[in-house]
Amino acid sequence: MPFEFEKQEIEDVILIKPKVFGDNRGFFMECYKESEFFDNGIQVKFSQDNHSKSAAKVLRGLHYQAKPYAQAKLVRCTKGRIYDVAVDIRLNSPTFGKYVKLELSEDNKDMLYIPEGFAHGFVVLSDVAELQYKVSGEYNPSYDRGIIWNDKDINIDWEIDFEPILSEKDKKQPNLADMNKEDLV
């Protein structure tokens, strides 16, 4: 099997460790294999691929698409190092408002599966970071939503000792308690 699938504290969030074949020439790995993912509970059809590049100390998020355009994501860091965060915003979930945080990097090559109903964000820990991720639905700007990165109720431990660089949009996001509940999955 080319992947190990590890359920996280919020079991719908899954860390995926690909098998990497490396030698003096470089390496090879499979990034996605539908049959393996389906057999391990990730039965999602991905319809869009995204690639982002961020400078040191950038924090992006916490973002999500409101229903009916909610997206599942398969995230990997192909350059640099990040803390990747998924916050459960499913109203009827026993883990509503809880989060999973993992380090993703070009060195560990791990991937994080984030199902629909989660807000997603990350902070860059290296000089630069590039993320490539698959999403289960196409982006719809009218349904683009977010939560403030430092929401006191969620209380994410970003493990940073610097003031993160935020977009103007991310500086103005609401708290989870102030979200329009109709937007949530």
Foldseek 3Di string as FASTA:
>chain_A
DQWDWAQDPPRVKIKIQGRWADDPVGIDTDLDDQVVCVVVPNNFDFDDKDKDKDFAQAKDFQKFFFPPQTKKKKKAKQAAKKWKKKAACAVPDPRHLEMDIDMHHNVRRMIMIGGGRIGIMMTGHGRMIMMMMTIRGDDDVVRMAGAAPCQPSSRDPRVDPDNGDYDPVNVPHHHSVPDDSNRGD
